[in-house]
Amino acid sequence: MTIAPDDAQQGASHIYRAMRDLVQSMDDTIPGKFEITKKGIVHDMMAPVGPHELTTLHLRKRLEKVMPDELVAHTGEPDVEDESQGIMRRPDVMVIAMADMDVPGSFDPRTLIAAVEVVSRSNPDNDWVSKVRDYPLIGIPIYAIFDPRTGSGAVLSDIHPTPDGPRYATRKDFMYGEDVTIAEWTISTANLPLYPDQ
C-alpha cells in the first residue's frame, strides 16, 4: 500500500517528538548535554572542562572580530532542529545572522552559515562521526571541528548527494597554529588550549 511510508514517517515523527520531550524534561535536572541523532539520544555526561570552554570562547571572539556586525558566533541555546529528519543538535558555536535568531523555539539548521564544535574528551565520536553524518543531512553548509586532544581539526563543506544521503565533499585538515578559514572568514588557531594529559 502507498500509505505505509506516510504511516512510517508519522511513526518516526511521533518517536522523535517523544525523544525531544524526554530530552527537554531532563535538560535542567541531569548534568551534561543531550542531543537527538538519527541513531537516538546522545548524552555527553561530562560537564565541559576548562580547555573546551576556553576554546569555544576564543573561537567565538576571533570569528566575531572578522565577521560583519549582522552576523554572530552564537554559543548556547537554543538547539538547531530538523524534525523531519529527527535530529536536534546543539553546536558549540553557531555562525548565524542575528535576524535568523529571532524565532520561537529552535533555530532552523538551514539558516546557519556554519557550525563549530570543540571535540569533547569524553565522547569524541559524537563530533568526528555522528555530527559529520548529521550536519549535512540537516543542511548546515560548513562544519568546523577543533580537537583539543590532538591540537588539530578539520573544516568540512560542499554538501553533495551520496547513496547514504547528503555528505560533505570537501575536508580541509589543519593543525593548531595555522590559520583556518570558516566560510568567508579566516582566523588564527594560535594559542588554543589543549586537554592536559590524563
Protein backbone atom coordinates (compact mmCIF):
# COMPACT_ATOMS: atom_id res chain seq x y z
CA MET A 1 0.00 0.00 0.00
CA THR A 2 1.16 3.50 -0.70
CA ILE A 3 0.18 4.79 2.75
CA ALA A 4 2.85 2.77 4.55
CA PRO A 5 5.61 5.34 4.00
CA ASP A 6 3.36 8.10 5.41
CA ASP A 7 2.47 5.89 8.36
CA ALA A 8 6.14 5.10 8.89
CA GLN A 9 7.00 8.80 8.71
CA GLN A 10 4.26 9.66 11.20
CA GLY A 11 5.53 6.92 13.50
CA ALA A 12 9.09 8.21 13.22
CA SER A 13 7.89 11.76 13.87
CA HIS A 14 5.96 10.56 16.94
CA ILE A 15 9.07 8.79 18.27
CA TYR A 16 11.19 11.88 17.62
CA ARG A 17 8.73 14.15 19.47
CA ALA A 18 8.72 11.71 22.41
CA MET A 19 12.54 11.78 22.49
CA ARG A 20 12.54 15.58 22.27
CA ASP A 21 10.06 15.84 25.17
CA LEU A 22 12.24 13.49 27.23
CA VAL A 23 15.40 15.47 26.46
CA GLN A 24 13.73 18.77 27.33
CA SER A 25 12.44 17.36 30.62
CA MET A 26 15.93 16.13 31.58
CA ASP A 27 17.87 19.21 30.44
CA ASP A 28 17.50 21.11 33.71
CA THR A 29 17.74 18.15 36.05
CA ILE A 30 20.54 15.90 34.75
CA PRO A 31 24.05 17.26 34.15
CA GLY A 32 25.54 17.14 30.69
CA LYS A 33 24.25 17.87 27.22
CA PHE A 34 21.53 15.95 25.38
CA GLU A 35 21.12 15.79 21.60
CA ILE A 36 18.98 13.67 19.28
CA THR A 37 20.56 11.96 16.27
CA LYS A 38 19.34 9.53 13.64
CA LYS A 39 20.58 6.79 15.99
CA GLY A 40 18.84 8.04 19.16
CA ILE A 41 19.65 10.24 22.14
CA VAL A 42 23.26 11.25 22.80
CA HIS A 43 24.15 12.27 26.34
CA ASP A 44 27.54 13.80 26.97
CA MET A 45 27.65 13.25 30.72
CA MET A 46 30.75 15.28 31.40
CA ALA A 47 30.37 18.96 32.01
CA PRO A 48 32.65 20.84 29.60
CA VAL A 49 36.11 21.35 31.10
CA GLY A 50 38.21 24.50 31.01
CA PRO A 51 40.05 23.88 27.72
CA HIS A 52 36.74 23.10 25.95
CA GLU A 53 35.03 26.25 27.19
CA LEU A 54 38.12 28.41 26.66
CA THR A 55 38.46 27.14 23.07
CA THR A 56 34.79 27.94 22.45
CA LEU A 57 35.29 31.45 23.82
CA HIS A 58 38.43 32.07 21.71
CA LEU A 59 36.69 30.86 18.55
CA ARG A 60 33.60 33.00 19.18
CA LYS A 61 35.67 36.12 19.77
CA ARG A 62 38.02 35.51 16.83
CA LEU A 63 35.14 34.91 14.43
CA GLU A 64 33.19 37.96 15.59
CA LYS A 65 36.26 40.18 15.03
CA VAL A 66 36.31 39.33 11.30
CA MET A 67 32.59 38.90 10.52
CA PRO A 68 30.16 41.70 9.64
CA ASP A 69 28.12 43.13 12.51
CA GLU A 70 24.87 41.49 11.41
CA LEU A 71 26.39 38.04 11.97
CA VAL A 72 27.21 36.43 15.30
CA ALA A 73 29.17 33.46 16.55
CA HIS A 74 26.49 32.34 18.98
CA THR A 75 27.19 29.97 21.86
CA GLY A 76 24.50 28.33 23.93
CA GLU A 77 20.83 27.73 23.38
CA PRO A 78 18.56 27.16 21.59
CA ASP A 79 19.23 23.97 19.69
CA VAL A 80 19.11 23.54 15.94
CA GLU A 81 16.36 21.16 14.96
CA ASP A 82 15.05 19.43 11.86
CA GLU A 83 12.03 17.44 12.96
CA SER A 84 11.55 15.93 9.50
CA GLN A 85 14.99 14.29 9.86
CA GLY A 86 14.54 13.51 13.57
CA ILE A 87 17.66 15.49 14.54
CA MET A 88 18.20 18.05 17.30
CA ARG A 89 21.75 19.27 17.92
CA ARG A 90 23.42 21.98 19.98
CA PRO A 91 26.63 23.17 18.27
CA ASP A 92 29.26 24.78 20.50
CA VAL A 93 29.34 27.81 18.15
CA MET A 94 26.73 28.70 15.53
CA VAL A 95 27.59 31.28 12.88
CA ILE A 96 24.21 32.84 12.12
CA ALA A 97 22.62 36.14 11.15
CA MET A 98 21.03 37.97 14.08
CA ALA A 99 17.82 38.25 12.06
CA ASP A 100 17.63 34.43 11.83
CA MET A 101 17.83 34.14 15.63
CA ASP A 102 14.55 35.98 16.12
CA VAL A 103 12.39 32.85 16.07
CA PRO A 104 10.34 30.98 18.65
CA GLY A 105 11.87 27.67 19.66
CA SER A 106 14.84 26.02 17.96
CA PHE A 107 16.88 27.52 15.14
CA ASP A 108 16.34 26.20 11.62
CA PRO A 109 19.68 24.49 10.81
CA ARG A 110 19.45 25.74 7.22
CA THR A 111 19.84 29.32 8.49
CA LEU A 112 23.27 28.55 9.98
CA ILE A 113 26.26 29.68 7.97
CA ALA A 114 28.48 27.27 9.89
CA ALA A 115 28.55 25.05 12.95
CA VAL A 116 31.72 24.81 15.04
CA GLU A 117 32.38 22.02 17.52
CA VAL A 118 35.11 21.63 20.11
CA VAL A 119 35.68 17.90 20.50
CA SER A 120 34.65 16.52 23.85
CA ARG A 121 37.24 14.40 25.59
CA SER A 122 34.52 12.06 26.89
CA ASN A 123 32.73 11.46 23.57
CA PRO A 124 34.89 12.39 20.53
CA ASP A 125 32.91 10.18 18.11
CA ASN A 126 29.90 12.45 18.60
CA ASP A 127 31.83 15.28 16.90
CA TRP A 128 34.01 13.29 14.47
CA VAL A 129 31.44 10.70 13.33
CA SER A 130 27.81 11.44 14.27
CA LYS A 131 27.84 15.17 13.50
CA VAL A 132 29.81 14.62 10.28
CA ARG A 133 26.82 12.48 9.26
CA ASP A 134 24.03 14.64 10.75
CA TYR A 135 25.08 18.19 9.85
CA PRO A 136 24.97 17.81 6.05
CA LEU A 137 21.71 15.87 6.40
CA ILE A 138 20.05 18.87 8.07
CA GLY A 139 21.63 21.38 5.67
CA ILE A 140 24.42 23.01 7.71
CA PRO A 141 26.75 24.07 4.87
CA ILE A 142 30.04 24.26 6.81
CA TYR A 143 31.18 22.25 9.80
CA ALA A 144 34.43 23.10 11.61
CA ILE A 145 35.90 20.72 14.20
CA PHE A 146 38.55 21.75 16.75
CA ASP A 147 40.13 18.90 18.73
CA PRO A 148 41.95 19.87 21.95
CA ARG A 149 43.05 16.24 22.37
CA THR A 150 45.37 16.44 19.35
CA GLY A 151 45.75 20.14 18.54
CA SER A 152 44.21 19.59 15.14
CA GLY A 153 40.92 19.91 13.33
CA ALA A 154 39.09 20.00 10.03
CA VAL A 155 36.65 22.17 8.11
CA LEU A 156 34.06 20.26 6.10
CA SER A 157 31.99 21.84 3.31
CA ASP A 158 30.35 21.36 -0.09
CA ILE A 159 27.35 19.17 0.68
CA HIS A 160 26.64 16.71 -2.13
CA PRO A 161 24.31 13.73 -2.57
CA THR A 162 25.60 10.20 -1.95
CA PRO A 163 23.87 6.81 -1.76
CA ASP A 164 24.00 7.20 2.05
CA GLY A 165 22.42 10.66 1.96
CA PRO A 166 23.94 14.16 1.84
CA ARG A 167 27.61 14.28 2.86
CA TYR A 168 30.41 16.85 2.88
CA ALA A 169 32.58 16.57 -0.24
CA THR A 170 35.48 18.75 0.93
CA ARG A 171 37.61 18.32 4.05
CA LYS A 172 40.49 20.65 4.92
CA ASP A 173 42.58 19.45 7.85
CA PHE A 174 44.63 21.84 9.97
CA MET A 175 46.98 21.85 12.93
CA TYR A 176 46.72 24.34 15.79
CA GLY A 177 48.95 27.31 14.99
CA GLU A 178 47.77 27.53 11.39
CA ASP A 179 45.17 29.95 10.10
CA VAL A 180 41.84 28.33 9.27
CA THR A 181 39.05 29.57 7.00
CA ILE A 182 35.45 29.01 8.07
CA ALA A 183 33.02 30.15 5.35
CA GLU A 184 34.48 33.51 4.24
CA TRP A 185 36.46 34.31 7.37
CA THR A 186 39.99 33.35 8.29
CA ILE A 187 41.01 33.14 11.93
CA SER A 188 44.14 32.13 13.79
CA THR A 189 44.28 28.87 15.74
CA ALA A 190 47.38 30.03 17.65
CA ASN A 191 47.39 29.51 21.40
CA LEU A 192 44.22 27.43 21.58
CA PRO A 193 44.35 25.28 24.72
CA LEU A 194 44.87 21.54 24.75
CA TYR A 195 43.45 19.00 27.13
CA PRO A 196 46.02 18.07 29.76
CA ASP A 197 47.48 14.58 29.66
CA GLN A 198 45.42 12.17 31.69
